[in-house]
Amino acid sequence: MSATVLEARALLLDMDGTLVNSDAVVERCWRRWALKQGLDPEAALKVVHGRQGYATMAALLPDRPMEQNYAENRVMLAEETADIDGVVPIGGAAAFMASLAGLPHALVTSADAALARARMTAAALPMPEIRVTAELVGASKPDPEGFLKGAAELGFAPADCIVFEDSEAGIAAGRAAGMRIVGIGPRAAALSPDAHVEDLTQLRVEAVGDGSIRLHIDAR
C-alpha cells in the first residue's frame, strides 16, 4: 500500500456518489423518465450523474424548450426527495465527516436543499454548515460556479481547495474552477483525478498547526 499526501486550506464535497450512494433512487427515477420520452434508459444513465436534472434533460433532448426541462426537473426533484429507499452512506463517510468537524469544508451539490437534506439524513451524515445547492447557482456542473461559490463562502482561493467528486461533470467543474480533485468510486477512476480512492475509508484528514489540512490518501 502506498500513500499520497495533499495539503489544502479547505475541502469541497460533492454529495451523490461521493458521500451518499443514491444510485438506486437516481436509476429508478431516470429510467422512468427516459422511458416516457422514448429514450434508451441505459444511454440516459450515462449522462445523469453530477448534473442538475434540467441540464441532463437538455443534453438528452437538445431541441426541447428549456422551460419544459425546468418544469420536469421540479417534478423529478420532488420524486427523488420522497424516495430514500436504498440511500446509504459511501464506505467510510461517517468517520470522514466526523474528522472534518471544525475544519473548513462545504457541500457543493447539484441537488436542491430539500433533496440534499433528505439524502444526508437518510445516510445519517451531518450536514455541513456551508453548502451550495442547486438553488444557489445559475449553471449546473460541469460549470465551475458551484465550486467557486463554495471556495468564496469559505474565504479561500480556488487553488487552496480540494474537490471530492465521483462524476465526469463534477470533476470537469472542479478542474474548471482551478482546484485539485480527489476522485471517489468507479465512475471517477477513468477521469484522471489528482488522486483516486474506491471509497472514503482510504482517506485520513489531519489538521495542521498553521490551519491547513493534510489529506492522507492510501492507494490500494
C-alpha atoms as a PDB file:
ATOM      1  CA  MET A   1       0.000   0.000   0.000  1.00  0.00           C
ATOM      2  CA  SER A   2       1.350   3.441  -0.928  1.00  0.00           C
ATOM      3  CA  ALA A   3       0.195   6.804   0.385  1.00  0.00           C
ATOM      4  CA  THR A   4      -0.280  10.185  -1.266  1.00  0.00           C
ATOM      5  CA  VAL A   5      -0.367  13.363   0.817  1.00  0.00           C
ATOM      6  CA  LEU A   6      -2.147  16.515  -0.359  1.00  0.00           C
ATOM      7  CA  GLU A   7      -2.355  19.798   1.544  1.00  0.00           C
ATOM      8  CA  ALA A   8      -5.215  22.283   1.314  1.00  0.00           C
ATOM      9  CA  ARG A   9      -6.936  25.066   3.203  1.00  0.00           C
ATOM     10  CA  ALA A  10     -10.488  23.853   2.512  1.00  0.00           C
ATOM     11  CA  LEU A  11     -12.359  20.815   1.193  1.00  0.00           C
ATOM     12  CA  LEU A  12     -15.349  20.954  -1.174  1.00  0.00           C
ATOM     13  CA  LEU A  13     -17.562  17.879  -1.136  1.00  0.00           C
ATOM     14  CA  ASP A  14     -19.987  16.622  -3.733  1.00  0.00           C
ATOM     15  CA  MET A  15     -22.826  14.544  -2.247  1.00  0.00           C
ATOM     16  CA  ASP A  16     -24.254  11.843  -4.537  1.00  0.00           C
ATOM     17  CA  GLY A  17     -21.660   9.180  -5.271  1.00  0.00           C
ATOM     18  CA  THR A  18     -19.148  10.925  -3.003  1.00  0.00           C
ATOM     19  CA  LEU A  19     -20.708  10.941   0.481  1.00  0.00           C
ATOM     20  CA  VAL A  20     -24.011   9.204  -0.241  1.00  0.00           C
ATOM     21  CA  ASN A  21     -24.768   6.256  -2.508  1.00  0.00           C
ATOM     22  CA  SER A  22     -28.097   7.225  -4.078  1.00  0.00           C
ATOM     23  CA  ASP A  23     -27.644   5.309  -7.331  1.00  0.00           C
ATOM     24  CA  ALA A  24     -30.705   3.124  -6.700  1.00  0.00           C
ATOM     25  CA  VAL A  25     -33.023   6.141  -6.473  1.00  0.00           C
ATOM     26  CA  VAL A  26     -31.374   8.003  -9.343  1.00  0.00           C
ATOM     27  CA  GLU A  27     -31.658   4.996 -11.616  1.00  0.00           C
ATOM     28  CA  ARG A  28     -35.316   4.335 -10.709  1.00  0.00           C
ATOM     29  CA  CYS A  29     -36.390   7.920 -11.349  1.00  0.00           C
ATOM     30  CA  TRP A  30     -34.384   8.467 -14.508  1.00  0.00           C
ATOM     31  CA  ARG A  31     -35.313   5.130 -16.043  1.00  0.00           C
ATOM     32  CA  ARG A  32     -38.976   6.092 -15.666  1.00  0.00           C
ATOM     33  CA  TRP A  33     -38.355   9.481 -17.202  1.00  0.00           C
ATOM     34  CA  ALA A  34     -36.314   8.099 -20.116  1.00  0.00           C
ATOM     35  CA  LEU A  35     -38.973   5.511 -20.979  1.00  0.00           C
ATOM     36  CA  LYS A  36     -41.660   8.209 -21.007  1.00  0.00           C
ATOM     37  CA  GLN A  37     -39.552  10.148 -23.509  1.00  0.00           C
ATOM     38  CA  GLY A  38     -38.911   7.105 -25.700  1.00  0.00           C
ATOM     39  CA  LEU A  39     -35.208   7.153 -24.815  1.00  0.00           C
ATOM     40  CA  ASP A  40     -32.875   4.270 -24.033  1.00  0.00           C
ATOM     41  CA  PRO A  41     -32.625   4.241 -20.209  1.00  0.00           C
ATOM     42  CA  GLU A  42     -29.075   2.863 -20.252  1.00  0.00           C
ATOM     43  CA  ALA A  43     -27.893   5.678 -22.518  1.00  0.00           C
ATOM     44  CA  ALA A  44     -29.662   8.233 -20.307  1.00  0.00           C
ATOM     45  CA  LEU A  45     -27.999   6.926 -17.157  1.00  0.00           C
ATOM     46  CA  LYS A  46     -24.573   7.589 -18.672  1.00  0.00           C
ATOM     47  CA  VAL A  47     -25.145  11.352 -18.522  1.00  0.00           C
ATOM     48  CA  VAL A  48     -27.307  11.910 -15.414  1.00  0.00           C
ATOM     49  CA  HIS A  49     -24.627  11.762 -12.722  1.00  0.00           C
ATOM     50  CA  GLY A  50     -23.317  15.056 -11.403  1.00  0.00           C
ATOM     51  CA  ARG A  51     -25.638  17.373 -13.305  1.00  0.00           C
ATOM     52  CA  GLN A  52     -28.811  19.142 -12.310  1.00  0.00           C
ATOM     53  CA  GLY A  53     -31.832  17.439 -13.828  1.00  0.00           C
ATOM     54  CA  TYR A  54     -32.680  20.187 -16.293  1.00  0.00           C
ATOM     55  CA  ALA A  55     -29.121  20.023 -17.689  1.00  0.00           C
ATOM     56  CA  THR A  56     -29.411  16.255 -18.165  1.00  0.00           C
ATOM     57  CA  MET A  57     -32.720  16.722 -19.970  1.00  0.00           C
ATOM     58  CA  ALA A  58     -31.200  19.382 -22.222  1.00  0.00           C
ATOM     59  CA  ALA A  59     -28.304  17.073 -23.091  1.00  0.00           C
ATOM     60  CA  LEU A  60     -30.642  14.194 -23.942  1.00  0.00           C
ATOM     61  CA  LEU A  61     -33.338  16.255 -25.700  1.00  0.00           C
ATOM     62  CA  PRO A  62     -31.454  19.235 -27.141  1.00  0.00           C
ATOM     63  CA  ASP A  63     -34.370  20.510 -29.255  1.00  0.00           C
ATOM     64  CA  ARG A  64     -36.825  20.750 -26.372  1.00  0.00           C
ATOM     65  CA  PRO A  65     -37.699  24.129 -24.790  1.00  0.00           C
ATOM     66  CA  MET A  66     -35.772  24.763 -21.570  1.00  0.00           C
ATOM     67  CA  GLU A  67     -39.000  25.815 -19.851  1.00  0.00           C
ATOM     68  CA  GLN A  68     -40.204  22.231 -20.179  1.00  0.00           C
ATOM     69  CA  ASN A  69     -36.922  20.934 -18.754  1.00  0.00           C
ATOM     70  CA  TYR A  70     -37.186  23.240 -15.757  1.00  0.00           C
ATOM     71  CA  ALA A  71     -40.781  22.158 -15.137  1.00  0.00           C
ATOM     72  CA  GLU A  72     -39.977  18.444 -15.367  1.00  0.00           C
ATOM     73  CA  ASN A  73     -36.896  18.937 -13.199  1.00  0.00           C
ATOM     74  CA  ARG A  74     -39.134  20.263 -10.408  1.00  0.00           C
ATOM     75  CA  VAL A  75     -41.234  17.092 -10.662  1.00  0.00           C
ATOM     76  CA  MET A  76     -38.094  14.943 -10.711  1.00  0.00           C
ATOM     77  CA  LEU A  77     -36.672  16.654  -7.602  1.00  0.00           C
ATOM     78  CA  ALA A  78     -39.921  16.030  -5.718  1.00  0.00           C
ATOM     79  CA  GLU A  79     -39.869  12.342  -6.729  1.00  0.00           C
ATOM     80  CA  GLU A  80     -36.241  11.913  -5.704  1.00  0.00           C
ATOM     81  CA  THR A  81     -36.747  13.719  -2.387  1.00  0.00           C
ATOM     82  CA  ALA A  82     -39.648  11.423  -1.489  1.00  0.00           C
ATOM     83  CA  ASP A  83     -37.739   8.259  -2.429  1.00  0.00           C
ATOM     84  CA  ILE A  84     -34.951   7.388   0.014  1.00  0.00           C
ATOM     85  CA  ASP A  85     -35.171   3.614  -0.357  1.00  0.00           C
ATOM     86  CA  GLY A  86     -31.626   2.320  -0.772  1.00  0.00           C
ATOM     87  CA  VAL A  87     -29.904   5.611   0.099  1.00  0.00           C
ATOM     88  CA  VAL A  88     -26.830   4.673   2.158  1.00  0.00           C
ATOM     89  CA  PRO A  89     -23.512   6.300   3.073  1.00  0.00           C
ATOM     90  CA  ILE A  90     -20.443   5.688   0.946  1.00  0.00           C
ATOM     91  CA  GLY A  91     -17.980   3.481   2.820  1.00  0.00           C
ATOM     92  CA  GLY A  92     -16.122   5.487   5.457  1.00  0.00           C
ATOM     93  CA  ALA A  93     -18.350   8.571   5.054  1.00  0.00           C
ATOM     94  CA  ALA A  94     -19.381   8.824   8.706  1.00  0.00           C
ATOM     95  CA  ALA A  95     -15.807   8.758  10.017  1.00  0.00           C
ATOM     96  CA  PHE A  96     -14.629  11.078   7.252  1.00  0.00           C
ATOM     97  CA  MET A  97     -17.318  13.666   8.018  1.00  0.00           C
ATOM     98  CA  ALA A  98     -16.599  13.414  11.735  1.00  0.00           C
ATOM     99  CA  SER A  99     -12.930  14.156  11.035  1.00  0.00           C
ATOM    100  CA  LEU A 100     -13.913  17.409   9.284  1.00  0.00           C
ATOM    101  CA  ALA A 101     -15.619  18.913  12.339  1.00  0.00           C
ATOM    102  CA  GLY A 102     -14.131  22.344  12.904  1.00  0.00           C
ATOM    103  CA  LEU A 103     -12.217  22.331   9.603  1.00  0.00           C
ATOM    104  CA  PRO A 104     -13.141  24.470   6.564  1.00  0.00           C
ATOM    105  CA  HIS A 105     -15.395  22.414   4.305  1.00  0.00           C
ATOM    106  CA  ALA A 106     -18.554  22.824   2.257  1.00  0.00           C
ATOM    107  CA  LEU A 107     -21.101  20.711   0.430  1.00  0.00           C
ATOM    108  CA  VAL A 108     -21.363  21.550  -3.288  1.00  0.00           C
ATOM    109  CA  THR A 109     -24.156  19.515  -4.834  1.00  0.00           C
ATOM    110  CA  SER A 110     -26.443  19.503  -7.861  1.00  0.00           C
ATOM    111  CA  ALA A 111     -29.291  18.547  -5.508  1.00  0.00           C
ATOM    112  CA  ASP A 112     -31.551  21.256  -4.151  1.00  0.00           C
ATOM    113  CA  ALA A 113     -31.644  21.944  -0.412  1.00  0.00           C
ATOM    114  CA  ALA A 114     -34.579  19.629   0.304  1.00  0.00           C
ATOM    115  CA  LEU A 115     -33.080  16.702  -1.609  1.00  0.00           C
ATOM    116  CA  ALA A 116     -29.655  17.229  -0.042  1.00  0.00           C
ATOM    117  CA  ARG A 117     -31.142  17.218   3.447  1.00  0.00           C
ATOM    118  CA  ALA A 118     -33.264  14.133   2.716  1.00  0.00           C
ATOM    119  CA  ARG A 119     -30.309  12.109   1.450  1.00  0.00           C
ATOM    120  CA  MET A 120     -27.790  13.217   4.074  1.00  0.00           C
ATOM    121  CA  THR A 121     -30.377  12.427   6.767  1.00  0.00           C
ATOM    122  CA  ALA A 122     -31.164   9.018   5.233  1.00  0.00           C
ATOM    123  CA  ALA A 123     -27.440   8.241   5.235  1.00  0.00           C
ATOM    124  CA  ALA A 124     -27.128   9.504   8.852  1.00  0.00           C
ATOM    125  CA  LEU A 125     -24.456  12.034   7.878  1.00  0.00           C
ATOM    126  CA  PRO A 126     -24.050  15.535   9.328  1.00  0.00           C
ATOM    127  CA  MET A 127     -24.963  18.407   7.011  1.00  0.00           C
ATOM    128  CA  PRO A 128     -22.055  20.834   6.518  1.00  0.00           C
ATOM    129  CA  GLU A 129     -22.760  24.348   7.751  1.00  0.00           C
ATOM    130  CA  ILE A 130     -21.682  25.794   4.390  1.00  0.00           C
ATOM    131  CA  ARG A 131     -23.498  24.321   1.401  1.00  0.00           C
ATOM    132  CA  VAL A 132     -24.016  25.325  -2.203  1.00  0.00           C
ATOM    133  CA  THR A 133     -27.163  23.653  -3.515  1.00  0.00           C
ATOM    134  CA  ALA A 134     -28.944  23.851  -6.857  1.00  0.00           C
ATOM    135  CA  GLU A 135     -30.967  26.946  -5.967  1.00  0.00           C
ATOM    136  CA  LEU A 136     -27.825  28.976  -5.350  1.00  0.00           C
ATOM    137  CA  VAL A 137     -26.207  28.643  -8.785  1.00  0.00           C
ATOM    138  CA  GLY A 138     -27.202  29.763 -12.237  1.00  0.00           C
ATOM    139  CA  ALA A 139     -25.350  26.992 -14.045  1.00  0.00           C
ATOM    140  CA  SER A 140     -25.083  23.259 -13.394  1.00  0.00           C
ATOM    141  CA  LYS A 141     -21.869  21.268 -13.203  1.00  0.00           C
ATOM    142  CA  PRO A 142     -19.709  20.932 -15.351  1.00  0.00           C
ATOM    143  CA  ASP A 143     -19.790  24.720 -14.937  1.00  0.00           C
ATOM    144  CA  PRO A 144     -17.425  25.662 -12.075  1.00  0.00           C
ATOM    145  CA  GLU A 145     -19.827  28.166 -10.468  1.00  0.00           C
ATOM    146  CA  GLY A 146     -20.798  25.940  -7.535  1.00  0.00           C
ATOM    147  CA  PHE A 147     -17.231  25.147  -6.518  1.00  0.00           C
ATOM    148  CA  LEU A 148     -16.142  28.762  -6.925  1.00  0.00           C
ATOM    149  CA  LYS A 149     -19.036  29.850  -4.705  1.00  0.00           C
ATOM    150  CA  GLY A 150     -18.103  27.245  -2.116  1.00  0.00           C
ATOM    151  CA  ALA A 151     -14.495  28.461  -2.013  1.00  0.00           C
ATOM    152  CA  ALA A 152     -15.647  32.082  -1.743  1.00  0.00           C
ATOM    153  CA  GLU A 153     -18.064  31.246   1.090  1.00  0.00           C
ATOM    154  CA  LEU A 154     -15.218  29.612   2.994  1.00  0.00           C
ATOM    155  CA  GLY A 155     -12.886  32.511   2.202  1.00  0.00           C
ATOM    156  CA  PHE A 156     -10.192  30.620   0.296  1.00  0.00           C
ATOM    157  CA  ALA A 157      -8.682  30.828  -3.175  1.00  0.00           C
ATOM    158  CA  PRO A 158      -9.604  28.032  -5.600  1.00  0.00           C
ATOM    159  CA  ALA A 159      -6.015  26.766  -5.681  1.00  0.00           C
ATOM    160  CA  ASP A 160      -6.207  26.214  -1.912  1.00  0.00           C
ATOM    161  CA  CYS A 161      -9.216  23.893  -2.207  1.00  0.00           C
ATOM    162  CA  ILE A 162      -9.546  20.181  -2.903  1.00  0.00           C
ATOM    163  CA  VAL A 163     -12.720  18.870  -4.541  1.00  0.00           C
ATOM    164  CA  PHE A 164     -14.140  15.408  -3.809  1.00  0.00           C
ATOM    165  CA  GLU A 165     -16.151  14.111  -6.770  1.00  0.00           C
ATOM    166  CA  ASP A 166     -17.366  10.929  -8.430  1.00  0.00           C
ATOM    167  CA  SER A 167     -18.774  12.072 -11.793  1.00  0.00           C
ATOM    168  CA  GLU A 168     -17.421  13.311 -15.099  1.00  0.00           C
ATOM    169  CA  ALA A 169     -19.446  16.538 -14.846  1.00  0.00           C
ATOM    170  CA  GLY A 170     -18.284  17.177 -11.292  1.00  0.00           C
ATOM    171  CA  ILE A 171     -14.618  16.505 -11.994  1.00  0.00           C
ATOM    172  CA  ALA A 172     -14.789  18.792 -15.039  1.00  0.00           C
ATOM    173  CA  ALA A 173     -16.341  21.501 -12.837  1.00  0.00           C
ATOM    174  CA  GLY A 174     -13.598  21.177 -10.239  1.00  0.00           C
ATOM    175  CA  ARG A 175     -10.895  21.357 -12.881  1.00  0.00           C
ATOM    176  CA  ALA A 176     -12.516  24.401 -14.489  1.00  0.00           C
ATOM    177  CA  ALA A 177     -12.517  26.042 -11.051  1.00  0.00           C
ATOM    178  CA  GLY A 178      -8.747  25.537 -10.812  1.00  0.00           C
ATOM    179  CA  MET A 179      -8.951  23.051  -7.960  1.00  0.00           C
ATOM    180  CA  ARG A 180      -7.320  19.701  -7.291  1.00  0.00           C
ATOM    181  CA  ILE A 181      -9.569  16.642  -7.450  1.00  0.00           C
ATOM    182  CA  VAL A 182      -9.864  13.504  -5.353  1.00  0.00           C
ATOM    183  CA  GLY A 183     -11.975  11.079  -7.374  1.00  0.00           C
ATOM    184  CA  ILE A 184     -14.293   8.778  -5.437  1.00  0.00           C
ATOM    185  CA  GLY A 185     -15.516   5.409  -6.681  1.00  0.00           C
ATOM    186  CA  PRO A 186     -15.655   3.611 -10.018  1.00  0.00           C
ATOM    187  CA  ARG A 187     -17.014   6.453 -12.174  1.00  0.00           C
ATOM    188  CA  ALA A 188     -14.040   8.652 -11.255  1.00  0.00           C
ATOM    189  CA  ALA A 189     -11.343   6.064 -11.879  1.00  0.00           C
ATOM    190  CA  ALA A 190     -11.000   6.714 -15.617  1.00  0.00           C
ATOM    191  CA  LEU A 191     -11.199  10.514 -15.365  1.00  0.00           C
ATOM    192  CA  SER A 192      -7.611  11.225 -14.259  1.00  0.00           C
ATOM    193  CA  PRO A 193      -8.248  12.957 -10.925  1.00  0.00           C
ATOM    194  CA  ASP A 194      -5.210  14.072  -8.936  1.00  0.00           C
ATOM    195  CA  ALA A 195      -5.832  11.106  -6.633  1.00  0.00           C
ATOM    196  CA  HIS A 196      -8.399   8.303  -6.675  1.00  0.00           C
ATOM    197  CA  VAL A 197      -9.940   6.131  -3.957  1.00  0.00           C
ATOM    198  CA  GLU A 198     -12.595   3.434  -4.055  1.00  0.00           C
ATOM    199  CA  ASP A 199     -14.329   4.907  -1.027  1.00  0.00           C
ATOM    200  CA  LEU A 200     -13.708   7.196   1.930  1.00  0.00           C
ATOM    201  CA  THR A 201     -12.089   4.523   4.097  1.00  0.00           C
ATOM    202  CA  GLN A 202      -8.880   5.275   2.159  1.00  0.00           C
ATOM    203  CA  LEU A 203      -8.735   8.879   3.397  1.00  0.00           C
ATOM    204  CA  ARG A 204      -7.384  10.318   6.624  1.00  0.00           C
ATOM    205  CA  VAL A 205      -7.671  14.008   7.469  1.00  0.00           C
ATOM    206  CA  GLU A 206      -5.045  15.725   9.621  1.00  0.00           C
ATOM    207  CA  ALA A 207      -5.384  19.274  10.937  1.00  0.00           C
ATOM    208  CA  VAL A 208      -2.031  21.063  10.709  1.00  0.00           C
ATOM    209  CA  GLY A 209      -0.966  23.745  13.200  1.00  0.00           C
ATOM    210  CA  ASP A 210      -0.969  26.567  10.630  1.00  0.00           C
ATOM    211  CA  GLY A 211      -4.654  25.973   9.884  1.00  0.00           C
ATOM    212  CA  SER A 212      -4.121  23.895   6.764  1.00  0.00           C
ATOM    213  CA  ILE A 213      -5.464  20.408   6.151  1.00  0.00           C
ATOM    214  CA  ARG A 214      -3.259  17.445   5.336  1.00  0.00           C
ATOM    215  CA  LEU A 215      -5.033  14.704   3.441  1.00  0.00           C
ATOM    216  CA  HIS A 216      -3.525  11.219   3.604  1.00  0.00           C
ATOM    217  CA  ILE A 217      -4.693   9.007   0.735  1.00  0.00           C
ATOM    218  CA  ASP A 218      -3.979   5.283   0.856  1.00  0.00           C
ATOM    219  CA  ALA A 219      -3.827   3.699  -2.588  1.00  0.00           C
ATOM    220  CA  ARG A 220      -4.828   0.062  -2.832  1.00  0.00           C
END
